[in-house]
Structure formats: structure tokens, C-alpha cells
């Protein structure tokens, strides 16, 4: 497990809190599945373009994104087959 310095820890704690609040808002509104791709991005704590360099030291995020998007595509195909 990687160790973060205090600045990195604060950054990721803040990012987590903001993402969790956004996710909870979607859950309460009952629209999580309507925004599935967006929820994946929130869940993975993807940084915006300005902050991307700060996230570059987390290469496994890209693998997780690929895996989750592949799962999402399978979900879309299965859902389409039911229609």
C-alpha cells in the first residue's frame, strides 16, 4: 500500500467527500442508474483536466476505468436484449 503525505491525504479525503456527497444526492433522487457512466467517474474519483497531473501517479485507475466501462457496455447490451 502506498503512503501519502499529509497534502496528498487531504486532497484525496476532500475528493472522496465531494464524490460521496454527489453520489448520495443521485441516490436520494433515484437517478443512479440513469447516470451510470457519470457514477463510474465519480466512484473512481477522476480528476478534471487541471488536476490530471496530480492523479498521474495512480496508474491502476486507468485499468479500473477500462474494466468498469467494459462492464457497463455489457450491461447496456444485456439491457438492450431485454427490450
PDB file of N, CA and C in Angstrom:
ATOM      1  N   UNK A   1       0.852  -1.184   0.000  1.00  0.00           N
ATOM      2  CA  UNK A   1       0.000   0.000   0.000  1.00  0.00           C
ATOM      3  C   UNK A   1       0.891   1.239   0.000  1.00  0.00           C
ATOM      4  N   UNK A   2       0.534   2.187  -0.840  1.00  0.00           N
ATOM      5  CA  UNK A   2       1.292   3.435  -0.914  1.00  0.00           C
ATOM      6  C   UNK A   2       0.959   4.334   0.270  1.00  0.00           C
ATOM      7  N   UNK A   3       1.955   5.066   0.710  1.00  0.00           N
ATOM      8  CA  UNK A   3       1.742   6.050   1.766  1.00  0.00           C
ATOM      9  C   UNK A   3       1.669   7.436   1.146  1.00  0.00           C
ATOM     10  N   UNK A   4       0.701   8.210   1.584  1.00  0.00           N
ATOM     11  CA  UNK A   4       0.527   9.570   1.084  1.00  0.00           C
ATOM     12  C   UNK A   4       1.042  10.552   2.121  1.00  0.00           C
ATOM     13  N   UNK A   5       1.606  11.656   1.629  1.00  0.00           N
ATOM     14  CA  UNK A   5       1.974  12.696   2.587  1.00  0.00           C
ATOM     15  C   UNK A   5       0.694  13.429   2.997  1.00  0.00           C
ATOM     16  N   UNK A   6       0.783  14.323   3.946  1.00  0.00           N
ATOM     17  CA  UNK A   6      -0.402  14.986   4.501  1.00  0.00           C
ATOM     18  C   UNK A   6      -1.171  15.784   3.450  1.00  0.00           C
ATOM     19  N   UNK A   7      -0.461  16.416   2.515  1.00  0.00           N
ATOM     20  CA  UNK A   7      -1.119  17.190   1.455  1.00  0.00           C
ATOM     21  C   UNK A   7      -1.911  16.269   0.537  1.00  0.00           C
ATOM     22  N   UNK A   8      -1.295  15.153   0.141  1.00  0.00           N
ATOM     23  CA  UNK A   8      -1.992  14.187  -0.715  1.00  0.00           C
ATOM     24  C   UNK A   8      -3.183  13.581   0.016  1.00  0.00           C
ATOM     25  N   UNK A   9      -2.992  13.239   1.269  1.00  0.00           N
ATOM     26  CA  UNK A   9      -4.080  12.661   2.056  1.00  0.00           C
ATOM     27  C   UNK A   9      -5.257  13.630   2.153  1.00  0.00           C
ATOM     28  N   UNK A  10      -4.976  14.895   2.418  1.00  0.00           N
ATOM     29  CA  UNK A  10      -6.034  15.913   2.479  1.00  0.00           C
ATOM     30  C   UNK A  10      -6.755  16.038   1.143  1.00  0.00           C
ATOM     31  N   UNK A  11      -5.981  16.029   0.054  1.00  0.00           N
ATOM     32  CA  UNK A  11      -6.554  16.154  -1.284  1.00  0.00           C
ATOM     33  C   UNK A  11      -7.523  15.004  -1.561  1.00  0.00           C
ATOM     34  N   UNK A  12      -7.074  13.769  -1.330  1.00  0.00           N
ATOM     35  CA  UNK A  12      -7.914  12.616  -1.632  1.00  0.00           C
ATOM     36  C   UNK A  12      -9.086  12.487  -0.663  1.00  0.00           C
ATOM     37  N   UNK A  13      -8.903  12.903   0.570  1.00  0.00           N
ATOM     38  CA  UNK A  13     -10.015  12.906   1.517  1.00  0.00           C
ATOM     39  C   UNK A  13     -11.089  13.891   1.063  1.00  0.00           C
ATOM     40  N   UNK A  14     -10.670  15.060   0.618  1.00  0.00           N
ATOM     41  CA  UNK A  14     -11.601  16.061   0.111  1.00  0.00           C
ATOM     42  C   UNK A  14     -12.310  15.561  -1.146  1.00  0.00           C
ATOM     43  N   UNK A  15     -11.549  14.976  -2.060  1.00  0.00           N
ATOM     44  CA  UNK A  15     -12.120  14.440  -3.293  1.00  0.00           C
ATOM     45  C   UNK A  15     -13.127  13.341  -2.984  1.00  0.00           C
ATOM     46  N   UNK A  16     -12.787  12.473  -2.041  1.00  0.00           N
ATOM     47  CA  UNK A  16     -13.700  11.410  -1.632  1.00  0.00           C
ATOM     48  C   UNK A  16     -14.992  11.993  -1.064  1.00  0.00           C
ATOM     49  N   UNK A  17     -14.867  12.960  -0.178  1.00  0.00           N
ATOM     50  CA  UNK A  17     -16.048  13.558   0.458  1.00  0.00           C
ATOM     51  C   UNK A  17     -16.968  14.218  -0.564  1.00  0.00           C
ATOM     52  N   UNK A  18     -16.384  14.956  -1.495  1.00  0.00           N
ATOM     53  CA  UNK A  18     -17.183  15.609  -2.536  1.00  0.00           C
ATOM     54  C   UNK A  18     -17.869  14.574  -3.426  1.00  0.00           C
ATOM     55  N   UNK A  19     -17.141  13.525  -3.789  1.00  0.00           N
ATOM     56  CA  UNK A  19     -17.702  12.477  -4.640  1.00  0.00           C
ATOM     57  C   UNK A  19     -18.814  11.730  -3.922  1.00  0.00           C
ATOM     58  N   UNK A  20     -18.605  11.426  -2.644  1.00  0.00           N
ATOM     59  CA  UNK A  20     -19.620  10.727  -1.862  1.00  0.00           C
ATOM     60  C   UNK A  20     -20.886  11.572  -1.746  1.00  0.00           C
ATOM     61  N   UNK A  21     -20.740  12.864  -1.542  1.00  0.00           N
ATOM     62  CA  UNK A  21     -21.897  13.756  -1.449  1.00  0.00           C
ATOM     63  C   UNK A  21     -22.666  13.786  -2.766  1.00  0.00           C
ATOM     64  N   UNK A  22     -21.942  13.848  -3.884  1.00  0.00           N
ATOM     65  CA  UNK A  22     -22.598  13.836  -5.197  1.00  0.00           C
ATOM     66  C   UNK A  22     -23.339  12.526  -5.410  1.00  0.00           C
ATOM     67  N   UNK A  23     -22.687  11.420  -5.086  1.00  0.00           N
ATOM     68  CA  UNK A  23     -23.298  10.108  -5.254  1.00  0.00           C
ATOM     69  C   UNK A  23     -24.563  10.001  -4.405  1.00  0.00           C
ATOM     70  N   UNK A  24     -24.488  10.422  -3.150  1.00  0.00           N
ATOM     71  CA  UNK A  24     -25.651  10.360  -2.264  1.00  0.00           C
ATOM     72  C   UNK A  24     -26.809  11.201  -2.785  1.00  0.00           C
ATOM     73  N   UNK A  25     -26.510  12.334  -3.393  1.00  0.00           N
ATOM     74  CA  UNK A  25     -27.549  13.171  -3.991  1.00  0.00           C
ATOM     75  C   UNK A  25     -28.274  12.412  -5.096  1.00  0.00           C
ATOM     76  N   UNK A  26     -27.518  11.706  -5.934  1.00  0.00           N
ATOM     77  CA  UNK A  26     -28.125  10.917  -7.008  1.00  0.00           C
ATOM     78  C   UNK A  26     -28.927   9.740  -6.450  1.00  0.00           C
ATOM     79  N   UNK A  27     -28.441   9.120  -5.381  1.00  0.00           N
ATOM     80  CA  UNK A  27     -29.173   8.012  -4.764  1.00  0.00           C
ATOM     81  C   UNK A  27     -30.510   8.506  -4.230  1.00  0.00           C
ATOM     82  N   UNK A  28     -30.498   9.616  -3.501  1.00  0.00           N
ATOM     83  CA  UNK A  28     -31.730  10.164  -2.929  1.00  0.00           C
ATOM     84  C   UNK A  28     -32.726  10.558  -4.007  1.00  0.00           C
ATOM     85  N   UNK A  29     -32.222  11.017  -5.146  1.00  0.00           N
ATOM     86  CA  UNK A  29     -33.102  11.408  -6.252  1.00  0.00           C
ATOM     87  C   UNK A  29     -33.556  10.203  -7.067  1.00  0.00           C
ATOM     88  N   UNK A  30     -32.969   9.030  -6.803  1.00  0.00           N
ATOM     89  CA  UNK A  30     -33.344   7.812  -7.520  1.00  0.00           C
ATOM     90  C   UNK A  30     -32.874   7.780  -8.959  1.00  0.00           C
ATOM     91  N   UNK A  31     -31.768   8.453  -9.251  1.00  0.00           N
ATOM     92  CA  UNK A  31     -31.313   8.540 -10.643  1.00  0.00           C
ATOM     93  C   UNK A  31     -29.922   7.952 -10.860  1.00  0.00           C
ATOM     94  N   UNK A  32     -29.483   7.078  -9.949  1.00  0.00           N
ATOM     95  CA  UNK A  32     -28.143   6.499 -10.098  1.00  0.00           C
ATOM     96  C   UNK A  32     -28.022   5.757 -11.419  1.00  0.00           C
ATOM     97  N   UNK A  33     -28.974   4.892 -11.726  1.00  0.00           N
ATOM     98  CA  UNK A  33     -28.869   4.102 -12.955  1.00  0.00           C
ATOM     99  C   UNK A  33     -29.079   4.958 -14.202  1.00  0.00           C
ATOM    100  N   UNK A  34     -29.747   6.091 -14.087  1.00  0.00           N
ATOM    101  CA  UNK A  34     -29.897   6.996 -15.221  1.00  0.00           C
ATOM    102  C   UNK A  34     -28.582   7.675 -15.571  1.00  0.00           C
ATOM    103  N   UNK A  35     -27.693   7.736 -14.621  1.00  0.00           N
ATOM    104  CA  UNK A  35     -26.404   8.412 -14.787  1.00  0.00           C
ATOM    105  C   UNK A  35     -25.259   7.444 -14.521  1.00  0.00           C
ATOM    106  N   UNK A  36     -25.392   6.219 -15.012  1.00  0.00           N
ATOM    107  CA  UNK A  36     -24.456   5.150 -14.666  1.00  0.00           C
ATOM    108  C   UNK A  36     -23.013   5.499 -15.012  1.00  0.00           C
ATOM    109  N   UNK A  37     -22.774   5.994 -16.217  1.00  0.00           N
ATOM    110  CA  UNK A  37     -21.398   6.335 -16.615  1.00  0.00           C
ATOM    111  C   UNK A  37     -20.843   7.440 -15.724  1.00  0.00           C
ATOM    112  N   UNK A  38     -21.672   8.422 -15.419  1.00  0.00           N
ATOM    113  CA  UNK A  38     -21.239   9.504 -14.535  1.00  0.00           C
ATOM    114  C   UNK A  38     -20.917   8.965 -13.143  1.00  0.00           C
ATOM    115  N   UNK A  39     -21.708   8.025 -12.674  1.00  0.00           N
ATOM    116  CA  UNK A  39     -21.460   7.430 -11.363  1.00  0.00           C
ATOM    117  C   UNK A  39     -20.127   6.688 -11.346  1.00  0.00           C
ATOM    118  N   UNK A  40     -19.784   6.039 -12.468  1.00  0.00           N
ATOM    119  CA  UNK A  40     -18.483   5.366 -12.544  1.00  0.00           C
ATOM    120  C   UNK A  40     -17.353   6.364 -12.375  1.00  0.00           C
ATOM    121  N   UNK A  41     -17.500   7.485 -13.029  1.00  0.00           N
ATOM    122  CA  UNK A  41     -16.462   8.516 -12.934  1.00  0.00           C
ATOM    123  C   UNK A  41     -16.358   9.035 -11.506  1.00  0.00           C
ATOM    124  N   UNK A  42     -17.487   9.312 -10.891  1.00  0.00           N
ATOM    125  CA  UNK A  42     -17.463   9.774  -9.506  1.00  0.00           C
ATOM    126  C   UNK A  42     -16.839   8.711  -8.614  1.00  0.00           C
ATOM    127  N   UNK A  43     -17.263   7.473  -8.805  1.00  0.00           N
ATOM    128  CA  UNK A  43     -16.774   6.378  -7.971  1.00  0.00           C
ATOM    129  C   UNK A  43     -15.270   6.233  -8.061  1.00  0.00           C
ATOM    130  N   UNK A  44     -14.722   6.489  -9.218  1.00  0.00           N
ATOM    131  CA  UNK A  44     -13.276   6.344  -9.420  1.00  0.00           C
ATOM    132  C   UNK A  44     -12.501   7.606  -9.088  1.00  0.00           C
ATOM    133  N   UNK A  45     -13.176   8.651  -8.659  1.00  0.00           N
ATOM    134  CA  UNK A  45     -12.528   9.906  -8.257  1.00  0.00           C
ATOM    135  C   UNK A  45     -11.657  10.477  -9.375  1.00  0.00           C
ATOM    136  N   UNK A  46     -12.213  10.502 -10.565  1.00  0.00           N
ATOM    137  CA  UNK A  46     -11.452  11.001 -11.701  1.00  0.00           C
ATOM    138  C   UNK A  46     -11.271  12.508 -11.566  1.00  0.00           C
ATOM    139  N   UNK A  47     -10.059  12.942 -11.828  1.00  0.00           N
ATOM    140  CA  UNK A  47      -9.722  14.361 -11.700  1.00  0.00           C
ATOM    141  C   UNK A  47     -10.066  15.097 -12.992  1.00  0.00           C
ATOM    142  N   UNK A  48     -10.338  16.374 -12.875  1.00  0.00           N
ATOM    143  CA  UNK A  48     -10.553  17.166 -14.077  1.00  0.00           C
ATOM    144  C   UNK A  48      -9.203  17.460 -14.737  1.00  0.00           C
ATOM    145  N   UNK A  49      -9.229  18.045 -15.908  1.00  0.00           N
ATOM    146  CA  UNK A  49      -8.012  18.250 -16.705  1.00  0.00           C
ATOM    147  C   UNK A  49      -6.939  19.012 -15.938  1.00  0.00           C
ATOM    148  N   UNK A  50      -7.337  19.994 -15.166  1.00  0.00           N
ATOM    149  CA  UNK A  50      -6.385  20.808 -14.411  1.00  0.00           C
ATOM    150  C   UNK A  50      -5.641  19.982 -13.360  1.00  0.00           C
ATOM    151  N   UNK A  51      -6.302  18.983 -12.816  1.00  0.00           N
ATOM    152  CA  UNK A  51      -5.717  18.192 -11.741  1.00  0.00           C
ATOM    153  C   UNK A  51      -5.149  16.860 -12.217  1.00  0.00           C
ATOM    154  N   UNK A  52      -5.219  16.587 -13.498  1.00  0.00           N
ATOM    155  CA  UNK A  52      -4.831  15.280 -14.011  1.00  0.00           C
ATOM    156  C   UNK A  52      -3.399  14.898 -13.652  1.00  0.00           C
ATOM    157  N   UNK A  53      -2.483  15.858 -13.640  1.00  0.00           N
ATOM    158  CA  UNK A  53      -1.099  15.561 -13.282  1.00  0.00           C
ATOM    159  C   UNK A  53      -1.000  15.037 -11.858  1.00  0.00           C
ATOM    160  N   UNK A  54      -1.845  15.550 -10.983  1.00  0.00           N
ATOM    161  CA  UNK A  54      -1.828  15.102  -9.601  1.00  0.00           C
ATOM    162  C   UNK A  54      -2.282  13.656  -9.477  1.00  0.00           C
ATOM    163  N   UNK A  55      -3.054  13.187 -10.430  1.00  0.00           N
ATOM    164  CA  UNK A  55      -3.563  11.820 -10.374  1.00  0.00           C
ATOM    165  C   UNK A  55      -2.711  10.855 -11.189  1.00  0.00           C
ATOM    166  N   UNK A  56      -1.748  11.363 -11.900  1.00  0.00           N
ATOM    167  CA  UNK A  56      -0.958  10.526 -12.800  1.00  0.00           C
ATOM    168  C   UNK A  56      -0.185   9.445 -12.071  1.00  0.00           C
ATOM    169  N   UNK A  57       0.047   9.620 -10.785  1.00  0.00           N
ATOM    170  CA  UNK A  57       0.793   8.618 -10.040  1.00  0.00           C
ATOM    171  C   UNK A  57      -0.084   7.451  -9.600  1.00  0.00           C
ATOM    172  N   UNK A  58      -1.306   7.397 -10.073  1.00  0.00           N
ATOM    173  CA  UNK A  58      -2.204   6.303  -9.727  1.00  0.00           C
ATOM    174  C   UNK A  58      -2.577   5.545 -11.004  1.00  0.00           C
ATOM    175  N   UNK A  59      -1.637   4.774 -11.569  1.00  0.00           N
ATOM    176  CA  UNK A  59      -1.888   4.133 -12.861  1.00  0.00           C
ATOM    177  C   UNK A  59      -3.001   3.099 -12.842  1.00  0.00           C
ATOM    178  N   UNK A  60      -3.259   2.477 -11.707  1.00  0.00           N
ATOM    179  CA  UNK A  60      -4.302   1.464 -11.668  1.00  0.00           C
ATOM    180  C   UNK A  60      -5.684   2.044 -11.931  1.00  0.00           C
ATOM    181  N   UNK A  61      -5.857   3.345 -11.758  1.00  0.00           N
ATOM    182  CA  UNK A  61      -7.153   3.974 -12.020  1.00  0.00           C
ATOM    183  C   UNK A  61      -7.569   3.740 -13.463  1.00  0.00           C
ATOM    184  N   UNK A  62      -6.625   3.832 -14.394  1.00  0.00           N
ATOM    185  CA  UNK A  62      -6.940   3.637 -15.806  1.00  0.00           C
ATOM    186  C   UNK A  62      -7.412   2.209 -16.075  1.00  0.00           C
ATOM    187  N   UNK A  63      -6.814   1.236 -15.408  1.00  0.00           N
ATOM    188  CA  UNK A  63      -7.241  -0.153 -15.549  1.00  0.00           C
ATOM    189  C   UNK A  63      -8.645  -0.317 -14.990  1.00  0.00           C
ATOM    190  N   UNK A  64      -8.898   0.281 -13.834  1.00  0.00           N
ATOM    191  CA  UNK A  64     -10.227   0.209 -13.238  1.00  0.00           C
ATOM    192  C   UNK A  64     -11.275   0.843 -14.147  1.00  0.00           C
ATOM    193  N   UNK A  65     -10.942   1.975 -14.738  1.00  0.00           N
ATOM    194  CA  UNK A  65     -11.874   2.635 -15.658  1.00  0.00           C
ATOM    195  C   UNK A  65     -12.203   1.706 -16.815  1.00  0.00           C
ATOM    196  N   UNK A  66     -11.183   1.124 -17.415  1.00  0.00           N
ATOM    197  CA  UNK A  66     -11.397   0.220 -18.550  1.00  0.00           C
ATOM    198  C   UNK A  66     -12.275  -0.955 -18.148  1.00  0.00           C
ATOM    199  N   UNK A  67     -12.008  -1.550 -17.003  1.00  0.00           N
ATOM    200  CA  UNK A  67     -12.803  -2.688 -16.540  1.00  0.00           C
ATOM    201  C   UNK A  67     -14.248  -2.300 -16.268  1.00  0.00           C
ATOM    202  N   UNK A  68     -14.457  -1.166 -15.616  1.00  0.00           N
ATOM    203  CA  UNK A  68     -15.818  -0.748 -15.307  1.00  0.00           C
ATOM    204  C   UNK A  68     -16.592  -0.328 -16.548  1.00  0.00           C
ATOM    205  N   UNK A  69     -15.917   0.331 -17.475  1.00  0.00           N
ATOM    206  CA  UNK A  69     -16.601   0.703 -18.718  1.00  0.00           C
ATOM    207  C   UNK A  69     -16.954  -0.529 -19.533  1.00  0.00           C
ATOM    208  N   UNK A  70     -16.085  -1.542 -19.516  1.00  0.00           N
ATOM    209  CA  UNK A  70     -16.401  -2.797 -20.205  1.00  0.00           C
ATOM    210  C   UNK A  70     -17.628  -3.444 -19.565  1.00  0.00           C
ATOM    211  N   UNK A  71     -17.681  -3.444 -18.242  1.00  0.00           N
ATOM    212  CA  UNK A  71     -18.850  -3.987 -17.542  1.00  0.00           C
ATOM    213  C   UNK A  71     -20.106  -3.204 -17.892  1.00  0.00           C
ATOM    214  N   UNK A  72     -19.971  -1.891 -17.990  1.00  0.00           N
ATOM    215  CA  UNK A  72     -21.107  -1.047 -18.341  1.00  0.00           C
ATOM    216  C   UNK A  72     -21.602  -1.359 -19.746  1.00  0.00           C
ATOM    217  N   UNK A  73     -20.679  -1.554 -20.677  1.00  0.00           N
ATOM    218  CA  UNK A  73     -21.072  -1.878 -22.051  1.00  0.00           C
ATOM    219  C   UNK A  73     -21.812  -3.215 -22.088  1.00  0.00           C
ATOM    220  N   UNK A  74     -21.347  -4.189 -21.322  1.00  0.00           N
ATOM    221  CA  UNK A  74     -22.040  -5.477 -21.242  1.00  0.00           C
ATOM    222  C   UNK A  74     -23.442  -5.268 -20.683  1.00  0.00           C
ATOM    223  N   UNK A  75     -23.560  -4.439 -19.654  1.00  0.00           N
ATOM    224  CA  UNK A  75     -24.865  -4.124 -19.070  1.00  0.00           C
ATOM    225  C   UNK A  75     -25.792  -3.500 -20.120  1.00  0.00           C
ATOM    226  N   UNK A  76     -25.270  -2.582 -20.925  1.00  0.00           N
ATOM    227  CA  UNK A  76     -26.084  -1.949 -21.967  1.00  0.00           C
ATOM    228  C   UNK A  76     -26.580  -2.967 -22.979  1.00  0.00           C
ATOM    229  N   UNK A  77     -25.696  -3.875 -23.392  1.00  0.00           N
ATOM    230  CA  UNK A  77     -26.075  -4.906 -24.362  1.00  0.00           C
ATOM    231  C   UNK A  77     -27.145  -5.813 -23.764  1.00  0.00           C
ATOM    232  N   UNK A  78     -26.959  -6.249 -22.529  1.00  0.00           N
ATOM    233  CA  UNK A  78     -27.944  -7.118 -21.883  1.00  0.00           C
ATOM    234  C   UNK A  78     -29.284  -6.409 -21.729  1.00  0.00           C
ATOM    235  N   UNK A  79     -29.260  -5.135 -21.384  1.00  0.00           N
ATOM    236  CA  UNK A  79     -30.487  -4.358 -21.243  1.00  0.00           C
ATOM    237  C   UNK A  79     -31.189  -4.210 -22.589  1.00  0.00           C
ATOM    238  N   UNK A  80     -30.425  -3.954 -23.637  1.00  0.00           N
ATOM    239  CA  UNK A  80     -30.999  -3.810 -24.980  1.00  0.00           C
ATOM    240  C   UNK A  80     -31.645  -5.110 -25.431  1.00  0.00           C
ATOM    241  N   UNK A  81     -31.052  -6.243 -25.067  1.00  0.00           N
ATOM    242  CA  UNK A  81     -31.615  -7.536 -25.450  1.00  0.00           C
ATOM    243  C   UNK A  81     -32.962  -7.778 -24.781  1.00  0.00           C
ATOM    244  N   UNK A  82     -33.168  -7.202 -23.606  1.00  0.00           N
ATOM    245  CA  UNK A  82     -34.431  -7.368 -22.894  1.00  0.00           C
ATOM    246  C   UNK A  82     -35.552  -6.531 -23.495  1.00  0.00           C
ATOM    247  N   UNK A  83     -35.191  -5.487 -24.241  1.00  0.00           N
ATOM    248  CA  UNK A  83     -36.205  -4.595 -24.816  1.00  0.00           C
ATOM    249  C   UNK A  83     -36.808  -5.193 -26.006  1.00  0.00           C
TER     250      UNK A  83
END
